[in-house]
Protein backbone atom coordinates (compact mmCIF):
# COMPACT_ATOMS: atom_id res chain seq x y z
CA MET A 1 -54.87 103.75 69.84
CA SER A 2 -57.30 103.81 73.01
CA GLN A 3 -54.50 105.38 74.97
CA LEU A 4 -54.94 108.70 72.88
CA LEU A 5 -58.21 109.12 74.54
CA ILE A 6 -56.57 110.52 77.57
CA LEU A 7 -54.65 113.08 76.03
CA PRO A 8 -57.19 115.55 75.39
CA ILE A 9 -57.70 115.93 79.20
CA ILE A 10 -54.08 115.36 80.63
CA LEU A 11 -52.49 117.60 77.98
CA PRO A 12 -54.07 120.77 79.08
CA ALA A 13 -54.02 120.09 82.38
CA LEU A 14 -50.55 119.43 82.31
CA LEU A 15 -50.02 122.68 80.43
CA ALA A 16 -51.79 124.62 82.59
CA GLY A 17 -49.80 123.38 85.72
CA VAL A 18 -46.49 124.09 83.74
CA ILE A 19 -47.67 127.79 83.11
CA VAL A 20 -48.87 128.36 86.98
CA LEU A 21 -45.52 126.89 88.41
CA CYS A 22 -42.97 128.10 85.92
CA ALA A 23 -44.17 130.86 83.76
CA ARG A 24 -46.65 133.08 85.92
CA ASN A 25 -44.49 136.24 85.23
CA ALA A 26 -43.52 135.10 81.46
CA LEU A 27 -46.30 136.16 79.01
CA ASN A 28 -44.63 135.26 75.87
CA VAL A 29 -43.78 131.65 77.30
CA GLN A 30 -47.66 131.50 78.38
CA ARG A 31 -48.59 132.39 75.13
CA ALA A 32 -46.03 129.85 73.29
CA VAL A 33 -47.38 127.16 75.55
CA SER A 34 -51.11 127.74 75.13
CA LEU A 35 -50.79 128.06 71.16
CA LEU A 36 -48.37 124.96 70.88
CA GLY A 37 -50.76 122.83 73.41
CA THR A 38 -53.74 124.14 71.33
CA ILE A 39 -52.50 123.09 67.94
CA ALA A 40 -51.63 119.77 69.43
CA LEU A 41 -55.21 119.34 70.70
CA LEU A 42 -56.48 120.34 67.12
CA ALA A 43 -54.23 117.75 65.39
CA LEU A 44 -55.17 115.09 67.90
CA ALA A 45 -58.79 116.05 67.27
CA ILE A 46 -58.54 115.69 63.64
CA HIS A 47 -57.08 112.16 64.06
CA LEU A 48 -59.64 110.88 66.33
CA THR A 49 -62.29 111.83 64.10
CA GLN A 50 -61.03 108.85 61.90
CA ALA A 51 -60.91 106.53 64.91
CA PRO A 52 -63.72 103.65 65.42
CA THR A 53 -65.76 103.82 68.59
CA GLN A 54 -63.51 102.65 71.48
CA ALA A 55 -62.73 102.94 75.15
CA TYR A 56 -59.84 103.52 77.40
CA PHE A 57 -60.05 102.14 80.83
CA LEU A 58 -57.74 104.14 83.59
CA GLY A 59 -55.99 101.81 85.74
CA HIS A 60 -57.50 98.88 83.54
CA TRP A 61 -60.09 98.80 85.90
CA PRO A 62 -63.45 97.39 83.95
CA ALA A 63 -66.57 99.62 83.95
CA PRO A 64 -68.55 100.14 85.94
CA PHE A 65 -65.87 99.95 88.58
CA GLY A 66 -63.19 102.12 86.98
CA ILE A 67 -63.24 105.47 85.34
CA VAL A 68 -63.88 104.98 81.37
CA LEU A 69 -63.50 107.36 78.57
CA VAL A 70 -65.17 106.55 75.45
CA LEU A 71 -64.81 108.14 71.82
CA ASP A 72 -67.55 107.92 69.11
CA GLY A 73 -68.59 110.13 66.44
CA LEU A 74 -70.47 112.75 68.65
CA SER A 75 -67.69 113.23 71.35
CA ALA A 76 -65.18 112.99 68.46
CA LEU A 77 -66.99 115.98 66.55
CA MET A 78 -67.29 117.88 69.79
CA LEU A 79 -63.61 117.54 70.35
CA LEU A 80 -62.72 118.74 67.07
CA LEU A 81 -65.17 121.78 67.55
CA THR A 82 -63.92 122.79 70.65
CA ALA A 83 -60.14 122.46 69.51
CA ALA A 84 -61.15 124.67 66.31
CA LEU A 85 -62.83 127.29 68.46
CA ALA A 86 -60.13 127.49 71.31
CA LEU A 87 -57.40 128.00 68.52
CA ILE A 88 -59.23 130.65 66.98
CA ILE A 89 -60.04 132.55 70.28
CA LEU A 90 -56.29 131.99 71.40
CA ILE A 91 -55.34 133.98 68.08
CA HIS A 92 -57.71 136.68 68.78
CA THR A 93 -56.69 137.07 72.27
CA ILE A 94 -52.98 137.22 71.74
CA MET A 95 -53.23 139.86 68.81
CA THR A 96 -55.73 142.14 70.75
CA SER A 97 -53.51 141.57 73.96
CA TRP A 98 -56.62 140.58 76.13
CA ASP A 99 -54.26 138.27 77.92
CA THR A 100 -52.46 141.16 79.47
CA LYS A 101 -55.48 142.12 81.58
CA GLY A 102 -54.73 139.28 84.07
CA ARG A 103 -52.25 137.15 85.35
CA HIS A 104 -53.80 133.78 84.78
CA PHE A 105 -55.58 133.92 81.46
CA HIS A 106 -53.85 131.11 79.64
CA ALA A 107 -53.83 128.59 82.61
CA LEU A 108 -57.50 129.25 83.24
CA TYR A 109 -57.92 128.70 79.31
CA LEU A 110 -56.07 125.42 79.46
CA PHE A 111 -58.41 124.38 82.37
CA GLN A 112 -61.53 125.15 80.58
CA LEU A 113 -60.45 122.93 77.69
CA MET A 114 -59.68 120.23 80.06
CA GLY A 115 -63.07 120.10 81.54
CA LEU A 116 -64.80 120.55 78.00
CA ASN A 117 -62.72 117.62 76.55
CA GLY A 118 -63.49 115.61 79.79
CA ALA A 119 -67.22 116.03 79.75
CA PHE A 120 -67.34 115.01 76.15
CA LEU A 121 -65.13 111.82 76.46
CA THR A 122 -66.29 110.70 79.74
CA GLY A 123 -68.56 107.59 79.87
CA ASP A 124 -69.62 108.11 83.41
CA ALA A 125 -72.40 110.08 84.67
CA PHE A 126 -70.71 110.93 88.13
CA ASN A 127 -67.41 112.01 86.02
CA LEU A 128 -69.70 114.05 84.06
CA PHE A 129 -70.58 116.03 87.13
CA VAL A 130 -66.83 116.32 87.80
CA PHE A 131 -65.88 117.82 84.46
CA PHE A 132 -68.96 120.01 84.98
CA GLU A 133 -67.23 121.49 88.08
CA VAL A 134 -64.11 122.01 86.31
CA LEU A 135 -65.79 124.12 83.75
CA LEU A 136 -67.66 126.03 86.54
CA ILE A 137 -64.33 126.85 88.51
CA ALA A 138 -62.24 127.75 85.21
CA SER A 139 -65.02 129.85 83.63
CA TYR A 140 -65.83 131.73 86.49
CA GLY A 141 -61.97 132.94 86.42
CA LEU A 142 -62.24 133.64 82.92
CA MET A 143 -65.37 135.76 83.10
CA VAL A 144 -63.93 138.01 85.77
CA HIS A 145 -60.75 138.29 83.93
CA GLY A 146 -59.79 141.98 84.00
CA GLY A 147 -61.92 142.74 86.93
CA GLY A 148 -64.80 145.24 87.16
CA GLU A 149 -67.99 145.36 89.36
CA ALA A 150 -70.55 144.46 86.95
CA ARG A 151 -68.36 141.46 85.42
CA ILE A 152 -67.79 140.07 89.07
CA ARG A 153 -71.86 140.50 89.92
CA ALA A 154 -72.54 138.76 86.60
CA GLY A 155 -70.18 135.97 87.24
CA VAL A 156 -71.61 135.57 90.84
CA GLN A 157 -74.84 135.14 89.20
CA TYR A 158 -73.66 132.62 86.80
CA VAL A 159 -71.95 130.72 89.46
CA ALA A 160 -74.98 130.52 91.72
CA PHE A 161 -77.46 129.26 88.90
CA ASN A 162 -74.93 126.60 88.00
CA LEU A 163 -74.06 125.40 91.81
CA LEU A 164 -77.83 125.04 91.54
CA GLY A 165 -77.75 122.83 88.64
CA SER A 166 -74.64 120.81 90.45
CA THR A 167 -77.03 120.14 93.39
CA LEU A 168 -79.85 118.79 91.18
CA PHE A 169 -77.08 116.98 89.37
CA LEU A 170 -75.90 115.18 92.70
CA PHE A 171 -79.79 114.06 93.51
CA ALA A 172 -80.07 112.62 90.23
CA LEU A 173 -77.05 110.71 90.53
CA ALA A 174 -77.78 109.38 93.97
CA THR A 175 -81.29 108.35 92.56
CA ILE A 176 -80.15 106.60 89.68
CA TYR A 177 -77.26 104.73 91.63
CA SER A 178 -79.88 103.76 94.44
CA THR A 179 -81.89 102.30 91.91
CA THR A 180 -79.33 100.71 89.35
CA GLY A 181 -76.05 100.29 91.48
CA THR A 182 -74.23 102.02 88.63
CA LEU A 183 -73.23 105.21 87.03
CA ASN A 184 -71.66 104.10 83.87
CA MET A 185 -73.58 105.19 81.16
CA ALA A 186 -73.31 102.09 78.87
CA ASP A 187 -73.97 99.79 81.94
CA LEU A 188 -77.16 101.78 82.61
CA ALA A 189 -78.37 101.62 79.09
CA GLN A 190 -78.38 97.88 79.64
CA LYS A 191 -79.79 97.87 83.06
CA LEU A 192 -82.47 100.47 83.22
CA PRO A 193 -85.05 98.12 80.70
CA LEU A 194 -84.47 95.49 83.32
CA ILE A 195 -85.37 97.31 86.46
CA PRO A 196 -88.68 96.14 88.26
CA ALA A 197 -91.85 98.06 87.67
CA ASN A 198 -92.29 99.64 91.04
CA ASP A 199 -88.91 101.25 90.82
CA THR A 200 -89.70 103.28 87.34
CA ALA A 201 -90.96 106.07 89.36
CA LEU A 202 -87.50 106.81 90.79
CA ILE A 203 -85.99 106.58 87.27
CA ARG A 204 -88.56 109.19 85.90
CA VAL A 205 -87.58 111.81 88.60
CA ALA A 206 -84.00 110.88 87.93
CA ALA A 207 -84.71 111.65 84.34
CA VAL A 208 -86.44 114.99 85.12
CA LEU A 209 -83.73 116.13 87.34
CA MET A 210 -81.03 115.06 84.84
CA MET A 211 -82.96 117.17 82.18
CA LEU A 212 -83.27 120.28 84.47
CA VAL A 213 -79.52 120.22 85.17
CA PHE A 214 -78.44 120.03 81.43
CA ALA A 215 -81.45 122.88 80.56
CA VAL A 216 -79.46 125.07 82.99
CA LYS A 217 -76.08 124.37 81.50
CA ALA A 218 -78.16 124.97 77.98
CA ALA A 219 -79.82 128.07 78.99
CA LEU A 220 -83.40 126.76 78.33
CA VAL A 221 -86.64 128.45 79.44
CA PRO A 222 -87.36 129.07 82.48
CA LEU A 223 -83.74 128.64 83.21
CA GLN A 224 -81.76 130.85 81.10
CA PHE A 225 -81.72 133.93 83.34
CA TRP A 226 -78.07 133.38 84.25
CA LEU A 227 -76.86 133.56 80.66
CA PRO A 228 -77.71 137.44 79.21
CA GLY A 229 -75.58 139.24 82.14
CA SER A 230 -73.00 136.48 82.27
CA TYR A 231 -72.00 136.66 78.42
CA ALA A 232 -72.67 140.53 78.00
CA ASN A 233 -70.67 141.54 80.61
CA ALA A 234 -67.62 138.61 80.01
CA PRO A 235 -64.59 139.74 77.97
CA GLY A 236 -65.19 139.19 74.34
CA PRO A 237 -62.75 136.54 73.61
CA VAL A 238 -64.16 134.74 76.72
CA ALA A 239 -67.72 135.38 75.63
CA ALA A 240 -66.51 133.79 72.09
CA LEU A 241 -65.15 130.85 73.92
CA PHE A 242 -68.37 130.26 75.86
CA ALA A 243 -70.11 129.82 72.59
CA VAL A 244 -69.28 125.95 73.34
CA MET A 245 -70.18 126.10 76.86
CA THR A 246 -74.04 125.87 76.30
CA LYS A 247 -73.31 123.04 73.57
CA VAL A 248 -72.32 121.02 76.85
CA GLY A 249 -75.79 120.81 78.01
CA ALA A 250 -76.98 119.92 74.44
CA TYR A 251 -74.40 117.25 73.92
CA ALA A 252 -75.43 115.81 77.41
CA LEU A 253 -79.38 115.86 76.36
CA ILE A 254 -78.32 114.18 73.28
CA ARG A 255 -76.04 111.47 75.18
CA PHE A 256 -78.56 110.79 77.58
CA GLY A 257 -81.77 110.82 75.63
CA THR A 258 -80.36 108.38 73.22
CA LEU A 259 -78.13 106.04 75.35
CA VAL A 260 -79.17 106.18 78.76
CA PHE A 261 -83.11 107.38 78.56
CA PRO A 262 -84.00 106.51 75.03
CA THR A 263 -87.55 107.13 73.94
CA ASP A 264 -88.42 103.33 73.76
CA LEU A 265 -87.36 102.75 77.42
CA PRO A 266 -90.70 101.70 79.17
CA ALA A 267 -90.06 103.84 82.33
CA ILE A 268 -89.62 106.94 80.03
CA THR A 269 -91.48 106.65 76.92
CA THR A 270 -91.64 110.27 75.56
CA LEU A 271 -91.30 111.72 79.05
CA LEU A 272 -88.11 113.88 77.84
CA ALA A 273 -89.33 114.82 74.33
CA ASP A 274 -92.90 115.95 76.14
CA LEU A 275 -90.67 118.38 78.42
CA LEU A 276 -88.17 119.36 76.11
CA TYR A 277 -90.58 120.35 73.08
CA PRO A 278 -92.50 123.22 74.71
CA ALA A 279 -88.99 124.53 76.71
CA SER A 280 -87.55 124.94 73.34
CA ILE A 281 -90.51 126.53 71.85
CA ALA A 282 -90.71 129.19 74.89
CA THR A 283 -86.93 129.43 74.61
CA MET A 284 -87.06 130.42 70.80
CA ALA A 285 -89.58 133.14 71.58
CA VAL A 286 -87.48 134.68 74.85
CA GLY A 287 -84.23 134.69 72.35
CA ALA A 288 -85.81 136.41 69.61
CA LEU A 289 -87.96 138.94 71.94
CA GLY A 290 -84.63 139.75 73.82
CA THR A 291 -82.59 140.38 70.89
CA ILE A 292 -84.88 142.99 68.95
CA ALA A 293 -85.65 144.42 72.39
CA THR A 294 -82.38 145.43 73.63
CA HIS A 295 -79.66 147.95 71.97
CA ASN A 296 -76.63 146.75 73.59
CA LEU A 297 -74.71 144.53 71.29
CA PRO A 298 -73.29 141.97 73.85
CA ARG A 299 -76.39 141.54 75.33
CA GLN A 300 -78.30 141.35 72.14
CA ILE A 301 -75.85 138.52 70.99
CA ALA A 302 -76.18 136.93 74.26
CA TYR A 303 -80.27 136.53 73.94
CA SER A 304 -79.45 135.12 70.13
CA VAL A 305 -77.40 132.67 71.67
CA ILE A 306 -80.66 131.80 73.82
CA GLY A 307 -82.68 131.46 70.55
CA SER A 308 -80.22 129.48 68.77
CA MET A 309 -80.21 126.97 71.73
CA GLY A 310 -83.99 126.81 71.75
CA MET A 311 -83.86 126.00 67.92
CA LEU A 312 -81.12 123.58 68.53
CA MET A 313 -83.17 121.76 71.32
CA LEU A 314 -86.28 121.84 69.19
CA SER A 315 -84.73 119.59 66.61
CA VAL A 316 -83.04 117.41 69.71
CA SER A 317 -86.74 116.75 71.19
CA ALA A 318 -87.79 114.83 68.26
CA PHE A 319 -85.28 112.22 69.04
CA THR A 320 -84.98 110.72 65.43
CA PRO A 321 -81.84 110.13 63.66
CA GLN A 322 -82.52 112.83 61.10
CA ALA A 323 -83.72 115.29 63.67
CA THR A 324 -80.25 114.58 65.38
CA SER A 325 -78.28 115.01 62.46
CA ALA A 326 -79.56 118.36 61.70
CA ALA A 327 -79.24 119.05 65.23
CA LEU A 328 -75.48 118.08 65.30
CA TYR A 329 -74.85 120.50 61.97
CA TYR A 330 -76.55 123.36 63.97
CA ILE A 331 -74.30 122.86 66.79
CA VAL A 332 -71.30 123.29 64.57
CA HIS A 333 -72.76 126.49 62.93
CA SER A 334 -74.29 128.29 65.96
CA THR A 335 -71.17 127.92 67.90
CA LEU A 336 -68.89 129.27 65.03
CA ALA A 337 -71.37 132.09 64.37
CA THR A 338 -71.71 133.13 67.81
CA ALA A 339 -68.05 133.31 68.33
CA ALA A 340 -67.61 135.46 65.24
CA LEU A 341 -70.42 138.01 66.51
CA PHE A 342 -68.79 138.05 69.90
CA LEU A 343 -65.10 138.79 68.55
CA VAL A 344 -66.95 141.47 66.33
CA ALA A 345 -68.34 143.00 69.24
CA ASP A 346 -65.08 143.24 70.92
CA LEU A 347 -63.61 144.74 67.83
CA ALA A 348 -66.43 147.33 67.53
CA ARG A 349 -65.42 148.64 71.35
CA THR A 350 -62.19 150.23 69.45
CA ARG A 351 -62.76 149.65 65.42
CA ARG A 352 -65.57 150.91 63.74
CA ASP A 353 -64.45 151.42 59.78
CA GLY A 354 -65.77 149.67 56.78
CA LEU A 355 -63.81 146.18 57.16
CA THR A 356 -65.40 145.89 60.77
CA ALA A 357 -69.04 146.73 59.44
CA ALA A 358 -68.56 144.03 56.59
CA LEU A 359 -67.58 141.57 59.10
CA TYR A 360 -70.54 142.27 61.43
CA MET A 361 -72.74 141.89 58.45
CA ALA A 362 -71.61 138.64 57.67
CA ALA A 363 -71.49 137.23 61.53
CA ALA A 364 -74.80 138.43 61.74
CA ILE A 365 -76.03 136.98 58.50
CA ALA A 366 -74.58 133.69 59.68
CA MET A 367 -76.53 134.14 63.12
CA ALA A 368 -79.87 134.83 61.79
CA GLY A 369 -79.67 131.97 59.56
CA MET A 370 -79.84 133.81 56.35
CA PRO A 371 -78.22 132.64 52.87
CA PRO A 372 -75.61 132.12 51.70
CA LEU A 373 -73.93 130.82 54.90
CA SER A 374 -74.24 127.61 56.85
CA GLY A 375 -77.17 129.00 59.05
CA PHE A 376 -79.66 128.96 56.53
CA ILE A 377 -78.56 125.14 55.53
CA GLY A 378 -78.89 124.36 59.23
CA LYS A 379 -82.38 125.73 59.38
CA LEU A 380 -83.69 123.95 56.23
CA LEU A 381 -82.23 120.62 57.73
CA ILE A 382 -83.95 121.20 61.09
CA LEU A 383 -87.18 122.27 58.70
CA ASP A 384 -87.01 119.39 56.86
CA ALA A 385 -86.51 116.77 59.91
CA LEU A 386 -89.40 118.43 61.46
CA ARG A 387 -91.56 118.89 58.11
CA ASN A 388 -95.03 117.80 59.83
CA ASP A 389 -94.69 120.13 62.61
CA THR A 390 -96.78 123.51 61.97
CA LEU A 391 -95.65 125.21 65.08
CA ALA A 392 -91.91 124.67 64.59
CA TRP A 393 -91.91 125.70 61.06
CA SER A 394 -93.79 129.05 62.25
CA MET A 395 -91.56 129.63 65.44
CA ILE A 396 -88.31 128.99 63.21
CA LEU A 397 -89.47 131.47 60.57
CA ILE A 398 -90.75 134.31 62.93
CA THR A 399 -87.90 134.17 65.48
CA SER A 400 -85.50 134.19 62.50
CA LEU A 401 -87.24 137.19 61.26
CA LEU A 402 -87.26 138.75 64.38
CA THR A 403 -83.32 137.91 65.21
CA MET A 404 -82.55 139.65 61.60
CA ILE A 405 -84.26 142.58 62.16
CA GLY A 406 -82.49 142.99 65.76
CA LEU A 407 -79.52 142.62 64.40
CA ALA A 408 -79.65 144.94 61.48
CA ARG A 409 -80.81 147.67 63.77
CA THR A 410 -78.18 147.46 66.32
CA GLY A 411 -75.51 147.19 63.16
CA SER A 412 -77.10 150.45 61.53
CA ASP A 413 -76.69 152.22 64.84
CA LEU A 414 -73.44 151.05 65.53
CA PHE A 415 -71.80 151.49 62.19
CA TRP A 416 -73.94 153.93 60.50
CA LYS A 417 -74.74 156.54 63.19
CA SER A 418 -71.74 156.42 65.32
CA PRO A 419 -68.48 158.26 64.67
CA GLY A 420 -65.82 155.81 63.09
CA SER A 421 -62.29 154.85 64.57
CA GLU A 422 -59.57 152.02 63.71
CA ALA A 423 -57.39 149.74 65.20
CA PRO A 424 -54.92 147.65 63.83
CA ALA A 425 -56.11 145.48 61.14
CA GLN A 426 -54.33 141.85 62.21
CA SER A 427 -56.93 142.16 65.16
CA THR A 428 -59.38 140.89 63.00
CA ALA A 429 -57.83 137.74 62.10
CA GLY A 430 -60.03 135.72 64.73
CA VAL A 431 -63.38 136.66 62.97
CA LEU A 432 -61.83 136.09 59.46
CA LEU A 433 -61.27 132.50 60.66
CA CYS A 434 -64.75 131.92 62.27
CA LEU A 435 -66.22 133.50 58.99
CA ALA A 436 -63.73 131.14 56.79
CA ALA A 437 -64.86 127.74 58.85
CA LEU A 438 -68.54 129.09 58.37
CA ALA A 439 -67.96 129.15 54.52
CA ALA A 440 -66.00 125.85 54.52
CA LEU A 441 -69.36 124.31 56.56
CA THR A 442 -71.51 125.86 53.83
CA LEU A 443 -69.41 124.61 50.70
CA ALA A 444 -68.78 121.09 52.08
CA ALA A 445 -72.79 120.73 53.81
CA GLY A 446 -73.12 117.58 51.70
CA PRO A 447 -70.08 115.35 52.87
CA ILE A 448 -70.33 116.85 56.15
CA THR A 449 -74.13 115.88 56.74
CA ASP A 450 -73.28 112.61 55.16
CA ALA A 451 -70.83 112.02 58.25
CA LEU A 452 -73.14 113.35 60.45
CA ASN A 453 -76.05 111.05 59.45
CA GLN A 454 -73.90 108.28 60.17
CA THR A 455 -73.23 109.68 63.76
CA ALA A 456 -76.59 110.13 64.39
CA GLU A 457 -77.66 106.65 63.52
CA ALA A 458 -75.22 105.20 65.53
CA LEU A 459 -76.47 107.32 68.49
CA HIS A 460 -79.82 106.02 68.10
CA ALA A 461 -78.38 102.44 67.94
CA PRO A 462 -75.63 102.68 70.66
CA GLN A 463 -74.51 98.82 70.54
CA ALA A 464 -70.92 99.75 69.50
CA TYR A 465 -70.84 102.24 72.39
CA ILE A 466 -72.16 99.76 74.90
CA ALA A 467 -69.91 96.91 73.42
CA VAL A 468 -66.57 98.87 73.90
CA ASN A 469 -67.18 99.28 77.53
CA GLN A 470 -66.82 95.49 78.06
CA LEU A 471 -63.32 95.29 79.07
CA LYS A 472 -61.63 92.14 78.34
CA ALA A 473 -58.81 90.65 80.60
CA PRO A 474 -55.65 91.08 79.13
């Protein structure tokens, strides 16, 4: 079964190549290829969630010399979330004809899926850097889809910040490799505890550099400046797809924080947690204040994304199985809620009737973490995991209130004080699918959290992940 691990990467890459070479001027063919490919990715992701921890060695080269892909509970969850979100966005894009505003939307969309899936599956830190660059190139193309001065200016800012992160990433990789002689993550987990005491300073520097890189991707304060303008100016469906982009940074922090730089590593101890905790608190504050200060809906949603990332990383910073499980649940919820809200904002450009207002209210409730949707459950899980942290409780409750007030005020201005207009009803399908997924996440919270608890336990006891990286002779 391990051969299946390569499919989430090569399938979208091959389909994107087919579109570029054979269907550049045939939009319906592009749509069919993208739709069938995304459905196949979703079916594959569902299948892989049932698979045990396993590895695929390209060319049968053993780690750390060859390229290895590793599937565990965390990577399977992220593959499933990405495929489900991508299918919803694609349906919305086709129904609203957003893909007619540029020639290469579907190819870029598939390359984006390739980069996301590769980042979640790779077992090598250098190849994580490679897939980050694939993401950067594809996401820039999607961001400026349709053109426009403001969109291109925001895209340049987005690329500049992420190139800074890429540079730091290379410095961190060079530092780690010079100290350990490997960049395979499972190999690093075995070698870092054995490094001499006089080399621990280099490892601490590398850990901080890595955290800065992932903080850029996750839009943590003070490295969040690229996100509001980039997300607010991106096309609506693209901004919705980007809901999973910040989760790449969260994924990397969880992976490295539990596998490569665990809190019991003598060279690291609580270094990551000590840095991540105040950054998360500040990120929550900036996100909530930005949400209540702006009246522009796409920009307001972008600040809500920053606030939700702060809450997510606050849970991650505890580096306990319970807190990690809560963070994983919140990753799924916040991704779907953000996508729903961006899709509603896209609809509201041309349609401001009662149905759109109702969809906005449901999506805003989800984003603010109010009952009865899954955001309320996610916040309860985080609060329970941080039950002894008074500051965390206070920040979560205050920022949730501010976010709710900001979104309620904007909804009132948008749907009560502006003249209504209508667009074809079928264009609401993407939002309805997001809300249906959030409802399912709420109704199935019990079994989902049980599964996430097992995933979190495995992350904090990564022996199985390390074991599958040991290639045996055929």
